[in-house]
Every structure is written in C-alpha cells, then in structure tokens.
C-alpha cells in the first residue's frame, strides 16, 4: 500500500447552515459546487460536514479529537476569529492547560505554539503555521 495523504476529514454538525457559515464565510473554505456539505476541495484536505446522529450529551468533549488547518500566519487567524466573536486559545501538548488568546498583540508562544478554536458545534479546529511552535523545525522531506 502506498499512502498518499489524508483525503478528507468529517465532522459532526447540529446545524448545517451555522456550520457552513463558520467554515465558508468566516474561515474561507470554498464550498463544492454540487455537494454543499463538502468544503475546501482544491484548498488541501476537504472538510465534510455530517449531520450529527448522536445526542450532544452522549458525545464526550475530548480536546485531543480535532483536525488541523495549515495557515500562512497565526496572527491573521486570531484577528479573524476575534473579529467574528470566537474564542481562540493555545494549549499544551497534553491538551490539559489552555491559554485564552484575547488580542492580536498577545505573544502566541504558549504550549505547542498553535491556535485552537471550537466551532459552533464544539468541534475543535487547530491552526498551524509551519516553521513556528512545535513545527519550527519541521522538515517534511
């Protein structure tokens, strides 16, 4: 078998319209022209929005369960999230200690040096800037 990469990630959503607004209008993922629940095709690893079938109370909130989007600058992500009323945070490796990010002037060097946010359905999205934080020395070759 030859592994070629991750084809897509799937996330549960309670309200498709609200989720699509977050991922398309706020984060800028492009919707598929024919499949409205597929976002970001051609932008890397697509996000597949799936209607949630388990009651929210039955789902454990587990910070280690997340997906990551690679971005050019973490400061741009922080500004975008704050401007849209979201609460970005940083985390340590164990996902036990969090540091809220309240300003674009705040140093983004806590924990692993990436940014996290909960989407409107409590899914956790991580934003990574290559060459920074735990990815400072990352060499994909």
N, C-alpha and C. Protein backbone atom coordinates (compact mmCIF):
# COMPACT_ATOMS: atom_id res chain seq x y z
N UNK A 1 0.85 -1.18 0.00
CA UNK A 1 0.00 0.00 0.00
C UNK A 1 0.89 1.24 0.00
N UNK A 2 0.51 2.20 -0.77
CA UNK A 2 1.22 3.48 -0.80
C UNK A 2 0.29 4.57 -0.28
N UNK A 3 0.62 5.12 0.87
CA UNK A 3 -0.20 6.16 1.48
C UNK A 3 0.08 7.49 0.78
N UNK A 4 -0.95 8.17 0.32
CA UNK A 4 -0.78 9.42 -0.41
C UNK A 4 -1.21 10.65 0.37
N UNK A 5 -1.76 10.48 1.55
CA UNK A 5 -2.19 11.62 2.33
C UNK A 5 -3.63 11.45 2.80
N UNK A 6 -4.11 12.39 3.55
CA UNK A 6 -5.48 12.34 4.05
C UNK A 6 -6.40 12.94 2.99
N UNK A 7 -7.44 12.21 2.65
CA UNK A 7 -8.35 12.62 1.58
C UNK A 7 -9.36 13.66 2.07
N UNK A 8 -9.89 13.50 3.28
CA UNK A 8 -10.80 14.49 3.87
C UNK A 8 -10.97 14.20 5.35
N UNK A 9 -11.53 15.16 6.07
CA UNK A 9 -11.94 14.95 7.46
C UNK A 9 -13.44 15.17 7.53
N UNK A 10 -14.08 14.43 8.40
CA UNK A 10 -15.52 14.53 8.57
C UNK A 10 -15.81 15.00 9.99
N UNK A 11 -16.73 15.95 10.12
CA UNK A 11 -17.07 16.44 11.46
C UNK A 11 -18.58 16.46 11.64
N UNK A 12 -19.04 16.13 12.85
CA UNK A 12 -20.48 16.16 13.11
C UNK A 12 -20.96 17.59 13.36
N UNK A 13 -22.12 17.92 12.78
CA UNK A 13 -22.70 19.25 12.99
C UNK A 13 -24.19 19.10 13.32
N UNK A 14 -24.66 19.99 14.18
CA UNK A 14 -26.08 20.00 14.55
C UNK A 14 -26.88 20.89 13.61
N UNK A 15 -26.28 21.99 13.18
CA UNK A 15 -26.96 22.97 12.35
C UNK A 15 -26.08 23.24 11.12
N UNK A 16 -26.48 22.66 9.99
CA UNK A 16 -25.66 22.74 8.79
C UNK A 16 -25.43 24.18 8.35
N UNK A 17 -26.45 25.01 8.37
CA UNK A 17 -26.32 26.41 7.93
C UNK A 17 -25.31 27.15 8.80
N UNK A 18 -25.40 26.98 10.09
CA UNK A 18 -24.48 27.64 11.01
C UNK A 18 -23.05 27.14 10.80
N UNK A 19 -22.89 25.83 10.62
CA UNK A 19 -21.56 25.26 10.40
C UNK A 19 -20.97 25.74 9.07
N UNK A 20 -21.78 25.75 8.04
CA UNK A 20 -21.29 26.21 6.74
C UNK A 20 -20.88 27.68 6.81
N UNK A 21 -21.62 28.49 7.55
CA UNK A 21 -21.25 29.90 7.73
C UNK A 21 -19.85 30.00 8.36
N UNK A 22 -19.61 29.23 9.42
CA UNK A 22 -18.31 29.27 10.09
C UNK A 22 -17.19 28.86 9.13
N UNK A 23 -17.33 27.72 8.49
CA UNK A 23 -16.25 27.20 7.67
C UNK A 23 -16.07 27.96 6.34
N UNK A 24 -17.16 28.44 5.76
CA UNK A 24 -17.05 29.16 4.48
C UNK A 24 -16.91 30.66 4.67
N UNK A 25 -17.85 31.27 5.37
CA UNK A 25 -17.86 32.73 5.48
C UNK A 25 -16.79 33.26 6.44
N UNK A 26 -16.54 32.54 7.53
CA UNK A 26 -15.55 33.01 8.50
C UNK A 26 -14.15 32.53 8.09
N UNK A 27 -13.96 31.21 7.93
CA UNK A 27 -12.63 30.68 7.66
C UNK A 27 -12.23 30.73 6.19
N UNK A 28 -13.20 30.83 5.29
CA UNK A 28 -12.87 30.98 3.87
C UNK A 28 -12.74 29.69 3.08
N UNK A 29 -13.23 28.56 3.61
CA UNK A 29 -13.21 27.34 2.81
C UNK A 29 -14.24 27.47 1.69
N UNK A 30 -13.88 26.98 0.52
CA UNK A 30 -14.77 27.11 -0.63
C UNK A 30 -15.70 25.91 -0.70
N UNK A 31 -17.01 26.16 -0.86
CA UNK A 31 -17.95 25.03 -0.95
C UNK A 31 -17.86 24.34 -2.30
N UNK A 32 -18.11 23.04 -2.31
CA UNK A 32 -18.17 22.27 -3.55
C UNK A 32 -19.39 22.77 -4.33
N UNK A 33 -19.29 22.91 -5.66
CA UNK A 33 -20.42 23.44 -6.43
C UNK A 33 -21.65 22.54 -6.44
N UNK A 34 -21.49 21.24 -6.21
CA UNK A 34 -22.63 20.32 -6.26
C UNK A 34 -22.94 19.65 -4.93
N UNK A 35 -21.97 19.54 -4.05
CA UNK A 35 -22.16 18.86 -2.77
C UNK A 35 -21.96 19.88 -1.66
N UNK A 36 -23.05 20.44 -1.18
CA UNK A 36 -22.97 21.57 -0.25
C UNK A 36 -22.33 21.23 1.09
N UNK A 37 -22.21 19.95 1.43
CA UNK A 37 -21.58 19.59 2.71
C UNK A 37 -20.10 19.25 2.56
N UNK A 38 -19.53 19.47 1.38
CA UNK A 38 -18.09 19.30 1.16
C UNK A 38 -17.48 20.67 0.98
N UNK A 39 -16.50 21.00 1.83
CA UNK A 39 -15.92 22.34 1.83
C UNK A 39 -14.40 22.27 1.66
N UNK A 40 -13.86 23.20 0.91
CA UNK A 40 -12.41 23.31 0.80
C UNK A 40 -11.78 22.39 -0.22
N UNK A 41 -12.55 21.83 -1.13
CA UNK A 41 -11.97 20.98 -2.17
C UNK A 41 -11.07 21.86 -3.02
N UNK A 42 -9.86 21.41 -3.27
CA UNK A 42 -8.89 22.20 -4.01
C UNK A 42 -8.07 23.13 -3.12
N UNK A 43 -8.38 23.17 -1.82
CA UNK A 43 -7.65 24.01 -0.87
C UNK A 43 -6.82 23.15 0.09
N UNK A 44 -6.66 21.90 -0.22
CA UNK A 44 -5.94 20.99 0.67
C UNK A 44 -6.85 19.85 1.05
N UNK A 45 -6.95 19.56 2.31
CA UNK A 45 -7.77 18.45 2.80
C UNK A 45 -9.20 18.94 3.05
N UNK A 46 -10.19 18.47 2.28
CA UNK A 46 -11.56 18.96 2.45
C UNK A 46 -12.19 18.58 3.79
N UNK A 47 -13.12 19.40 4.21
CA UNK A 47 -13.92 19.18 5.41
C UNK A 47 -15.30 18.71 4.96
N UNK A 48 -15.74 17.58 5.50
CA UNK A 48 -17.03 17.00 5.15
C UNK A 48 -17.96 17.18 6.35
N UNK A 49 -18.96 18.04 6.23
CA UNK A 49 -19.91 18.27 7.31
C UNK A 49 -20.94 17.14 7.31
N UNK A 50 -21.11 16.49 8.46
CA UNK A 50 -22.04 15.38 8.59
C UNK A 50 -23.08 15.70 9.66
N UNK A 51 -24.34 15.46 9.33
CA UNK A 51 -25.38 15.69 10.32
C UNK A 51 -25.14 14.80 11.53
N UNK A 52 -25.18 15.41 12.70
CA UNK A 52 -24.92 14.68 13.95
C UNK A 52 -26.07 13.73 14.23
N UNK A 53 -25.73 12.46 14.52
CA UNK A 53 -26.76 11.45 14.75
C UNK A 53 -26.85 11.01 16.20
N UNK A 54 -25.90 11.45 17.04
CA UNK A 54 -25.90 11.11 18.46
C UNK A 54 -26.22 12.37 19.25
N UNK A 55 -27.04 12.24 20.26
CA UNK A 55 -27.38 13.39 21.09
C UNK A 55 -26.12 14.01 21.68
N UNK A 56 -26.00 15.35 21.70
CA UNK A 56 -24.79 16.01 22.20
C UNK A 56 -24.38 15.56 23.60
N UNK A 57 -25.32 15.26 24.48
CA UNK A 57 -24.97 14.85 25.84
C UNK A 57 -24.21 13.52 25.85
N UNK A 58 -24.37 12.72 24.78
CA UNK A 58 -23.70 11.43 24.71
C UNK A 58 -22.29 11.52 24.16
N UNK A 59 -21.94 12.67 23.58
CA UNK A 59 -20.62 12.83 22.99
C UNK A 59 -19.64 13.40 24.01
N UNK A 60 -18.53 12.72 24.23
CA UNK A 60 -17.53 13.27 25.15
C UNK A 60 -16.82 14.45 24.51
N UNK A 61 -16.55 15.50 25.29
CA UNK A 61 -15.79 16.64 24.79
C UNK A 61 -14.32 16.32 25.01
N UNK A 62 -13.63 15.97 23.97
CA UNK A 62 -12.26 15.50 24.06
C UNK A 62 -11.36 16.40 23.21
N UNK A 63 -10.57 17.27 23.85
CA UNK A 63 -9.71 18.19 23.09
C UNK A 63 -8.72 17.50 22.17
N UNK A 64 -8.33 16.27 22.49
CA UNK A 64 -7.39 15.58 21.62
C UNK A 64 -8.03 15.20 20.29
N UNK A 65 -9.36 15.21 20.23
CA UNK A 65 -10.06 14.90 18.99
C UNK A 65 -10.28 16.22 18.25
N UNK A 66 -9.48 16.44 17.23
CA UNK A 66 -9.55 17.69 16.48
C UNK A 66 -8.95 17.46 15.10
N UNK A 67 -9.06 18.45 14.24
CA UNK A 67 -8.34 18.42 12.99
C UNK A 67 -7.64 19.75 12.83
N UNK A 68 -6.62 19.78 11.98
CA UNK A 68 -5.78 20.98 11.86
C UNK A 68 -5.78 21.50 10.43
N UNK A 69 -5.76 22.83 10.34
CA UNK A 69 -5.65 23.51 9.06
C UNK A 69 -4.33 24.28 9.06
N UNK A 70 -3.56 24.14 8.00
CA UNK A 70 -2.30 24.88 7.88
C UNK A 70 -2.61 26.27 7.33
N UNK A 71 -2.04 27.29 7.97
CA UNK A 71 -2.28 28.67 7.57
C UNK A 71 -0.95 29.39 7.37
N UNK A 72 -1.02 30.55 6.74
CA UNK A 72 0.19 31.34 6.49
C UNK A 72 0.67 32.06 7.75
N UNK A 73 -0.29 32.67 8.51
CA UNK A 73 0.08 33.43 9.70
C UNK A 73 -0.95 33.22 10.80
N UNK A 74 -0.49 32.84 11.97
CA UNK A 74 -1.40 32.65 13.10
C UNK A 74 -2.07 33.96 13.51
N UNK A 75 -1.36 35.07 13.42
CA UNK A 75 -1.93 36.36 13.81
C UNK A 75 -3.17 36.70 12.98
N UNK A 76 -3.14 36.33 11.69
CA UNK A 76 -4.30 36.58 10.82
C UNK A 76 -5.50 35.75 11.27
N UNK A 77 -5.24 34.52 11.69
CA UNK A 77 -6.31 33.64 12.18
C UNK A 77 -6.91 34.20 13.46
N UNK A 78 -6.04 34.63 14.38
CA UNK A 78 -6.52 35.20 15.64
C UNK A 78 -7.39 36.42 15.37
N UNK A 79 -6.94 37.31 14.51
CA UNK A 79 -7.71 38.52 14.20
C UNK A 79 -9.07 38.14 13.61
N UNK A 80 -9.10 37.19 12.70
CA UNK A 80 -10.34 36.75 12.07
C UNK A 80 -11.30 36.14 13.09
N UNK A 81 -10.78 35.27 13.94
CA UNK A 81 -11.63 34.62 14.95
C UNK A 81 -12.18 35.63 15.95
N UNK A 82 -11.34 36.50 16.46
CA UNK A 82 -11.79 37.50 17.43
C UNK A 82 -12.82 38.44 16.81
N UNK A 83 -12.57 38.86 15.58
CA UNK A 83 -13.48 39.76 14.88
C UNK A 83 -14.87 39.14 14.70
N UNK A 84 -14.91 37.80 14.61
CA UNK A 84 -16.17 37.10 14.40
C UNK A 84 -16.76 36.52 15.68
N UNK A 85 -16.22 36.92 16.84
CA UNK A 85 -16.80 36.54 18.12
C UNK A 85 -16.40 35.17 18.64
N UNK A 86 -15.37 34.55 18.07
CA UNK A 86 -14.92 33.26 18.56
C UNK A 86 -13.82 33.45 19.60
N UNK A 87 -13.54 32.40 20.37
CA UNK A 87 -12.58 32.48 21.47
C UNK A 87 -11.40 31.55 21.21
N UNK A 88 -10.39 32.03 20.48
CA UNK A 88 -9.22 31.19 20.23
C UNK A 88 -8.43 30.94 21.51
N UNK A 89 -7.71 29.84 21.53
CA UNK A 89 -6.87 29.52 22.68
C UNK A 89 -5.66 28.74 22.22
N UNK A 90 -4.66 28.68 23.09
CA UNK A 90 -3.49 27.84 22.87
C UNK A 90 -3.52 26.74 23.92
N UNK A 91 -2.78 25.67 23.66
CA UNK A 91 -2.84 24.51 24.54
C UNK A 91 -1.46 23.88 24.68
N UNK A 92 -1.28 23.16 25.80
CA UNK A 92 -0.05 22.40 25.96
C UNK A 92 -0.19 21.07 25.21
N UNK A 93 0.87 20.30 25.17
CA UNK A 93 0.89 19.05 24.42
C UNK A 93 -0.17 18.07 24.92
N UNK A 94 -0.39 18.01 26.21
CA UNK A 94 -1.36 17.08 26.77
C UNK A 94 -2.80 17.56 26.63
N UNK A 95 -3.00 18.76 26.11
CA UNK A 95 -4.34 19.35 25.97
C UNK A 95 -5.03 19.54 27.32
N UNK A 96 -4.23 19.75 28.37
CA UNK A 96 -4.80 19.95 29.71
C UNK A 96 -4.79 21.40 30.13
N UNK A 97 -3.80 22.15 29.68
CA UNK A 97 -3.70 23.56 30.04
C UNK A 97 -3.95 24.41 28.81
N UNK A 98 -4.84 25.37 28.98
CA UNK A 98 -5.19 26.26 27.87
C UNK A 98 -4.88 27.70 28.25
N UNK A 99 -4.56 28.48 27.27
CA UNK A 99 -4.32 29.90 27.45
C UNK A 99 -5.19 30.64 26.45
N UNK A 100 -6.19 31.41 26.93
CA UNK A 100 -7.04 32.16 26.01
C UNK A 100 -6.22 33.19 25.23
N UNK A 101 -6.58 33.38 23.98
CA UNK A 101 -5.95 34.41 23.16
C UNK A 101 -6.99 35.51 22.99
N UNK A 102 -6.70 36.68 23.55
CA UNK A 102 -7.68 37.77 23.59
C UNK A 102 -7.29 38.96 22.72
N UNK A 103 -6.08 38.91 22.12
CA UNK A 103 -5.60 40.06 21.37
C UNK A 103 -4.61 39.61 20.30
N UNK A 104 -4.57 40.34 19.20
CA UNK A 104 -3.59 40.01 18.16
C UNK A 104 -2.18 40.39 18.57
N UNK A 105 -2.06 41.23 19.61
CA UNK A 105 -0.73 41.61 20.11
C UNK A 105 -0.16 40.58 21.08
N UNK A 106 -0.97 39.67 21.54
CA UNK A 106 -0.54 38.67 22.52
C UNK A 106 0.50 37.74 21.88
N UNK A 107 1.60 37.45 22.57
CA UNK A 107 2.55 36.50 22.01
C UNK A 107 1.89 35.13 21.87
N UNK A 108 2.08 34.51 20.76
CA UNK A 108 1.45 33.21 20.50
C UNK A 108 2.46 32.10 20.71
N UNK A 109 3.00 32.05 21.93
CA UNK A 109 4.07 31.10 22.22
C UNK A 109 3.75 30.15 23.37
N UNK A 110 2.48 30.10 23.80
CA UNK A 110 2.11 29.19 24.88
C UNK A 110 2.03 27.77 24.35
N UNK A 111 2.42 26.83 25.17
CA UNK A 111 2.26 25.41 24.83
C UNK A 111 2.97 25.03 23.55
N UNK A 112 2.20 24.50 22.62
CA UNK A 112 2.79 23.99 21.38
C UNK A 112 2.88 25.06 20.29
N UNK A 113 2.40 26.27 20.58
CA UNK A 113 2.56 27.38 19.64
C UNK A 113 1.64 27.33 18.44
N UNK A 114 0.46 26.73 18.61
CA UNK A 114 -0.56 26.74 17.56
C UNK A 114 -1.81 27.39 18.14
N UNK A 115 -2.83 27.55 17.33
CA UNK A 115 -4.10 28.16 17.77
C UNK A 115 -5.21 27.12 17.65
N UNK A 116 -6.09 27.10 18.64
CA UNK A 116 -7.27 26.23 18.63
C UNK A 116 -8.52 27.10 18.75
N UNK A 117 -9.65 26.58 18.26
CA UNK A 117 -10.95 27.21 18.46
C UNK A 117 -12.02 26.13 18.39
N UNK A 118 -13.09 26.34 19.11
CA UNK A 118 -14.25 25.46 18.98
C UNK A 118 -15.18 26.04 17.93
N UNK A 119 -15.62 25.21 17.00
CA UNK A 119 -16.58 25.66 16.00
C UNK A 119 -17.96 25.74 16.65
N UNK A 120 -18.99 26.17 15.94
CA UNK A 120 -20.31 26.30 16.56
C UNK A 120 -20.90 25.01 17.10
N UNK A 121 -20.36 23.85 16.69
CA UNK A 121 -20.85 22.56 17.18
C UNK A 121 -19.88 21.91 18.17
N UNK A 122 -18.97 22.70 18.73
CA UNK A 122 -17.99 22.26 19.72
C UNK A 122 -16.91 21.32 19.15
N UNK A 123 -16.77 21.26 17.83
CA UNK A 123 -15.64 20.55 17.23
C UNK A 123 -14.43 21.46 17.38
N UNK A 124 -13.28 20.86 17.64
CA UNK A 124 -12.07 21.66 17.82
C UNK A 124 -11.26 21.69 16.53
N UNK A 125 -10.89 22.89 16.13
CA UNK A 125 -10.07 23.11 14.95
C UNK A 125 -8.75 23.71 15.41
N UNK A 126 -7.66 23.15 14.92
CA UNK A 126 -6.33 23.68 15.23
C UNK A 126 -5.79 24.37 13.98
N UNK A 127 -5.07 25.46 14.18
CA UNK A 127 -4.44 26.19 13.09
C UNK A 127 -2.93 26.14 13.31
N UNK A 128 -2.22 25.74 12.26
CA UNK A 128 -0.78 25.54 12.34
C UNK A 128 -0.08 26.44 11.33
N UNK A 129 0.95 27.12 11.80
CA UNK A 129 1.84 27.87 10.91
C UNK A 129 3.16 27.10 10.87
N UNK A 130 3.51 26.57 9.72
CA UNK A 130 4.76 25.82 9.60
C UNK A 130 5.93 26.75 9.93
N UNK A 131 6.95 26.19 10.58
CA UNK A 131 8.10 26.97 10.97
C UNK A 131 7.91 27.70 12.29
N UNK A 132 6.85 27.35 13.02
CA UNK A 132 6.52 28.03 14.27
C UNK A 132 6.06 27.03 15.32
N UNK A 133 6.32 27.33 16.59
CA UNK A 133 5.91 26.44 17.67
C UNK A 133 6.54 25.05 17.50
N UNK A 134 5.74 24.00 17.71
CA UNK A 134 6.29 22.65 17.57
C UNK A 134 6.67 22.32 16.14
N UNK A 135 6.24 23.15 15.19
CA UNK A 135 6.56 22.94 13.79
C UNK A 135 7.73 23.83 13.33
N UNK A 136 8.44 24.43 14.28
CA UNK A 136 9.55 25.32 13.96
C UNK A 136 10.66 24.58 13.22
N UNK A 137 10.88 23.36 13.59
CA UNK A 137 11.98 22.60 12.99
C UNK A 137 11.46 21.53 12.03
N UNK A 138 10.19 21.60 11.66
CA UNK A 138 9.57 20.56 10.83
C UNK A 138 10.14 20.58 9.42
N UNK A 139 10.59 19.41 8.97
CA UNK A 139 11.09 19.25 7.61
C UNK A 139 10.33 18.07 7.00
N UNK A 140 9.38 18.34 6.10
CA UNK A 140 8.53 17.28 5.56
C UNK A 140 9.26 16.29 4.64
N UNK A 141 10.50 16.57 4.27
CA UNK A 141 11.19 15.66 3.33
C UNK A 141 11.77 14.45 4.02
